[in-house]
């Protein structure tokens, strides 16, 4: 569903992506891991067209991501943002139905609200939450609302940006389980970026380790612990000793 072919991206003198090659099969969950500042978010933004690589190509379902109707292209995606990114001035249901109230996906207001309430139910929130504002919700509830918004338009591809950041271990486990269940139910292709190894083991079919601007290792999550790759082994163990230099 998504192919990165020799993708390069720099910001001034800083080379972030230096020849990324990666394939994400349709209907699978790929988790990209790596330290802070290694380019995980840049990789994600490159697919969406928010960042333009200087070299290489990105194909989505066999077509160049930079060509064609960009609005129609983006309509295929859902996104769970790291910080929730909810609109404070809108009630929860309007946050969930944001894309259904405008643009090419626009639905009648009542229909959009009904879809929002159903998606809230799917992530474990009761209908009364629909009329609350984000400020009235806990961090875990806000993350669930963000997940409901990500799936509201029934996307083919869903991106998860550090989905458990700021959550306690129990709520992180709940969100990981929800992500896994929903992606499987929808048959969606998922791409997650995270450094939380608990999330990796909970939601990944396949894992890719990004370091030094390239994919150092990729394979099924079941093979991760026995990969033999020194970069991946050090990252998994959290050791200060290894080829990845710890910033002191």
Protein backbone atom coordinates (compact mmCIF):
# COMPACT_ATOMS: atom_id res chain seq x y z
CA UNK A 1 0.00 0.00 0.00
CA UNK A 2 2.88 2.38 0.78
CA UNK A 3 6.33 2.22 -0.80
CA UNK A 4 9.32 4.42 0.02
CA UNK A 5 11.98 4.20 -2.69
CA UNK A 6 15.34 5.87 -1.94
CA UNK A 7 13.71 8.81 -0.12
CA UNK A 8 16.02 11.67 0.90
CA UNK A 9 15.13 14.77 2.91
CA UNK A 10 17.36 17.47 4.38
CA UNK A 11 16.71 20.64 6.31
CA UNK A 12 19.59 22.97 5.49
CA UNK A 13 22.82 21.12 6.27
CA UNK A 14 21.02 18.49 8.38
CA UNK A 15 20.42 15.30 6.43
CA UNK A 16 17.42 13.54 8.00
CA UNK A 17 16.41 10.87 5.48
CA UNK A 18 19.31 9.49 3.45
CA UNK A 19 17.81 6.82 1.24
CA UNK A 20 14.83 5.25 2.97
CA UNK A 21 13.53 2.07 1.36
CA UNK A 22 10.46 0.47 2.92
CA UNK A 23 7.29 -1.33 1.85
CA UNK A 24 4.11 -1.46 3.92
CA UNK A 25 1.75 -4.17 2.72
CA UNK A 26 -1.98 -3.49 2.39
CA UNK A 27 -3.97 -4.34 5.51
CA UNK A 28 -0.92 -4.65 7.76
CA UNK A 29 0.30 -2.68 10.75
CA UNK A 30 3.84 -1.29 10.38
CA UNK A 31 5.50 0.35 13.38
CA UNK A 32 8.52 2.56 12.75
CA UNK A 33 10.85 2.91 15.71
CA UNK A 34 13.94 4.98 16.33
CA UNK A 35 15.32 7.61 18.66
CA UNK A 36 14.14 11.20 18.88
CA UNK A 37 15.19 13.27 15.88
CA UNK A 38 15.85 10.29 13.60
CA UNK A 39 13.21 11.34 11.07
CA UNK A 40 10.18 9.21 11.95
CA UNK A 41 7.78 12.17 11.79
CA UNK A 42 9.44 13.45 8.61
CA UNK A 43 8.77 10.08 6.99
CA UNK A 44 5.10 10.28 7.93
CA UNK A 45 4.76 13.91 6.78
CA UNK A 46 6.37 13.00 3.47
CA UNK A 47 3.56 10.58 2.68
CA UNK A 48 0.95 13.26 3.37
CA UNK A 49 2.72 15.87 1.26
CA UNK A 50 3.50 18.13 4.22
CA UNK A 51 7.20 17.63 3.50
CA UNK A 52 8.67 17.23 0.01
CA UNK A 53 11.67 14.92 -0.37
CA UNK A 54 14.54 16.12 -2.54
CA UNK A 55 15.07 12.67 -3.98
CA UNK A 56 13.22 9.38 -4.28
CA UNK A 57 9.57 8.46 -4.69
CA UNK A 58 6.68 7.59 -2.39
CA UNK A 59 3.93 5.43 -3.85
CA UNK A 60 0.52 4.95 -2.26
CA UNK A 61 -1.44 2.06 -3.75
CA UNK A 62 0.95 2.14 -6.69
CA UNK A 63 0.53 5.84 -7.47
CA UNK A 64 2.93 8.71 -6.86
CA UNK A 65 1.83 10.49 -3.68
CA UNK A 66 2.71 13.90 -5.17
CA UNK A 67 0.50 13.54 -8.24
CA UNK A 68 -3.25 13.94 -8.81
CA UNK A 69 -6.04 15.45 -6.68
CA UNK A 70 -4.48 16.04 -3.27
CA UNK A 71 -7.82 16.48 -1.47
CA UNK A 72 -9.05 13.12 -2.76
CA UNK A 73 -5.70 11.61 -1.83
CA UNK A 74 -5.87 12.87 1.77
CA UNK A 75 -9.46 11.62 2.11
CA UNK A 76 -8.03 8.09 2.16
CA UNK A 77 -6.12 8.77 5.39
CA UNK A 78 -6.96 8.99 9.07
CA UNK A 79 -4.57 10.38 11.67
CA UNK A 80 -4.17 10.13 15.43
CA UNK A 81 -1.95 13.02 16.47
CA UNK A 82 0.59 12.80 19.26
CA UNK A 83 -0.93 15.57 21.40
CA UNK A 84 -4.54 14.78 20.55
CA UNK A 85 -4.84 18.05 18.57
CA UNK A 86 -8.50 18.50 19.47
CA UNK A 87 -10.20 21.83 18.80
CA UNK A 88 -10.91 23.40 22.21
CA UNK A 89 -13.79 25.55 20.92
CA UNK A 90 -15.74 22.59 19.48
CA UNK A 91 -17.73 19.97 21.37
CA UNK A 92 -16.42 16.43 21.14
CA UNK A 93 -18.84 15.27 18.45
CA UNK A 94 -17.79 18.09 16.12
CA UNK A 95 -14.15 17.20 16.70
CA UNK A 96 -14.86 13.58 15.75
CA UNK A 97 -16.97 14.58 12.73
CA UNK A 98 -14.64 17.39 11.63
CA UNK A 99 -14.01 15.97 8.16
CA UNK A 100 -17.66 14.97 7.76
CA UNK A 101 -18.83 18.55 8.23
CA UNK A 102 -16.78 20.07 5.41
CA UNK A 103 -15.02 19.40 2.12
CA UNK A 104 -15.44 16.43 -0.19
CA UNK A 105 -16.56 14.13 2.64
CA UNK A 106 -19.32 16.46 3.85
CA UNK A 107 -22.45 14.84 5.28
CA UNK A 108 -25.70 16.35 6.64
CA UNK A 109 -25.12 17.64 10.17
CA UNK A 110 -27.40 15.12 11.88
CA UNK A 111 -25.85 12.21 10.00
CA UNK A 112 -22.36 13.45 10.89
CA UNK A 113 -23.35 13.61 14.56
CA UNK A 114 -24.76 10.07 14.47
CA UNK A 115 -21.53 8.77 12.95
CA UNK A 116 -19.53 10.62 15.60
CA UNK A 117 -21.56 9.10 18.44
CA UNK A 118 -21.12 5.64 16.95
CA UNK A 119 -17.35 6.09 16.63
CA UNK A 120 -17.20 7.36 20.22
CA UNK A 121 -19.03 4.21 21.28
CA UNK A 122 -16.49 2.14 19.37
CA UNK A 123 -13.65 3.61 21.41
CA UNK A 124 -15.51 3.07 24.69
CA UNK A 125 -17.08 6.49 25.26
CA UNK A 126 -20.79 7.00 26.04
CA UNK A 127 -23.08 9.26 23.98
CA UNK A 128 -23.17 11.95 26.69
CA UNK A 129 -19.48 12.64 26.01
CA UNK A 130 -20.43 13.95 22.56
CA UNK A 131 -21.60 17.31 23.91
CA UNK A 132 -18.69 17.88 26.29
CA UNK A 133 -15.67 20.01 25.38
CA UNK A 134 -12.10 18.65 25.26
CA UNK A 135 -11.16 20.58 28.41
CA UNK A 136 -13.72 18.52 30.33
CA UNK A 137 -12.01 15.24 29.44
CA UNK A 138 -9.10 13.34 30.95
CA UNK A 139 -5.98 12.67 28.89
CA UNK A 140 -7.09 9.11 28.18
CA UNK A 141 -10.54 10.26 27.06
CA UNK A 142 -9.01 12.89 24.79
CA UNK A 143 -6.84 10.22 23.19
CA UNK A 144 -9.95 8.08 22.59
CA UNK A 145 -11.70 11.05 20.97
CA UNK A 146 -8.67 11.50 18.73
CA UNK A 147 -8.89 7.83 17.76
CA UNK A 148 -12.62 8.17 17.05
CA UNK A 149 -11.86 11.13 14.77
CA UNK A 150 -9.14 9.16 12.98
CA UNK A 151 -11.61 6.43 11.99
CA UNK A 152 -14.74 8.58 11.47
CA UNK A 153 -14.42 8.70 7.67
CA UNK A 154 -13.58 4.99 7.34
CA UNK A 155 -10.05 5.60 6.00
CA UNK A 156 -8.02 3.00 4.12
CA UNK A 157 -4.79 4.11 5.79
CA UNK A 158 -4.36 5.29 9.39
CA UNK A 159 -1.31 7.01 10.84
CA UNK A 160 -0.60 6.93 14.58
CA UNK A 161 1.93 9.47 15.88
CA UNK A 162 3.24 8.39 19.32
CA UNK A 163 -0.25 7.13 20.31
CA UNK A 164 0.49 6.56 24.01
CA UNK A 165 2.53 9.67 24.83
CA UNK A 166 1.48 11.20 28.14
CA UNK A 167 -0.66 8.25 29.22
CA UNK A 168 -0.17 6.02 32.25
CA UNK A 169 0.72 2.34 31.61
CA UNK A 170 -2.84 1.09 32.09
CA UNK A 171 -4.41 3.64 29.74
CA UNK A 172 -1.57 3.06 27.26
CA UNK A 173 -2.51 -0.61 27.23
CA UNK A 174 -6.16 0.26 26.62
CA UNK A 175 -5.28 2.53 23.68
CA UNK A 176 -2.91 -0.06 22.20
CA UNK A 177 -5.63 -2.72 22.38
CA UNK A 178 -8.17 -0.38 20.77
CA UNK A 179 -5.80 0.48 17.94
CA UNK A 180 -5.10 -3.18 17.25
CA UNK A 181 -8.79 -4.15 17.32
CA UNK A 182 -9.93 -1.25 15.13
CA UNK A 183 -7.21 -1.63 12.50
CA UNK A 184 -8.01 -5.35 12.24
CA UNK A 185 -11.78 -4.75 12.04
CA UNK A 186 -11.43 -2.10 9.34
CA UNK A 187 -8.84 -3.97 7.33
CA UNK A 188 -6.91 -0.72 7.23
CA UNK A 189 -3.22 -0.25 6.56
CA UNK A 190 -1.58 1.28 9.63
CA UNK A 191 1.68 3.16 10.03
CA UNK A 192 2.71 4.03 13.57
CA UNK A 193 5.74 5.96 14.78
CA UNK A 194 6.76 5.42 18.37
CA UNK A 195 9.64 4.73 20.76
CA UNK A 196 7.37 2.86 23.20
CA UNK A 197 8.33 -0.79 22.92
CA UNK A 198 5.14 -1.90 24.70
CA UNK A 199 3.13 -0.28 21.91
CA UNK A 200 5.33 -1.92 19.30
CA UNK A 201 4.65 -5.41 20.66
CA UNK A 202 0.93 -4.71 21.03
CA UNK A 203 0.07 -3.25 17.62
CA UNK A 204 2.76 -4.23 15.09
CA UNK A 205 2.66 -6.87 12.41
CA UNK A 206 6.00 -5.61 11.13
CA UNK A 207 8.66 -3.31 12.53
CA UNK A 208 11.16 -0.97 10.86
CA UNK A 209 14.12 0.55 12.68
CA UNK A 210 15.07 4.02 11.38
CA UNK A 211 18.55 5.27 12.22
CA UNK A 212 21.14 7.32 10.38
CA UNK A 213 18.59 8.30 7.76
CA UNK A 214 17.99 4.73 6.55
CA UNK A 215 16.02 1.66 7.59
CA UNK A 216 18.56 -0.38 9.55
CA UNK A 217 16.28 -3.41 9.95
CA UNK A 218 12.76 -4.41 9.05
CA UNK A 219 10.81 -7.61 9.58
CA UNK A 220 7.96 -9.28 11.47
CA UNK A 221 7.59 -8.22 15.09
CA UNK A 222 8.03 -11.87 16.13
CA UNK A 223 11.60 -11.78 14.75
CA UNK A 224 12.53 -8.50 16.39
CA UNK A 225 14.18 -9.85 19.55
CA UNK A 226 16.35 -12.31 17.64
CA UNK A 227 17.21 -9.97 14.76
CA UNK A 228 20.94 -9.88 15.49
CA UNK A 229 20.99 -6.25 14.33
CA UNK A 230 23.10 -4.22 16.77
CA UNK A 231 21.06 -1.02 16.32
CA UNK A 232 17.75 -2.74 16.95
CA UNK A 233 19.11 -4.79 19.85
CA UNK A 234 20.46 -1.68 21.57
CA UNK A 235 17.21 0.22 21.04
CA UNK A 236 15.06 -2.60 22.40
CA UNK A 237 17.24 -3.07 25.46
CA UNK A 238 17.65 0.63 26.13
CA UNK A 239 21.38 0.15 26.60
CA UNK A 240 23.79 3.09 26.50
CA UNK A 241 26.37 0.77 24.94
CA UNK A 242 26.17 0.08 21.22
CA UNK A 243 26.37 1.72 17.79
CA UNK A 244 23.73 4.32 18.68
CA UNK A 245 25.49 7.15 20.47
CA UNK A 246 23.68 8.36 23.58
CA UNK A 247 23.47 12.16 23.78
CA UNK A 248 24.86 13.08 27.18
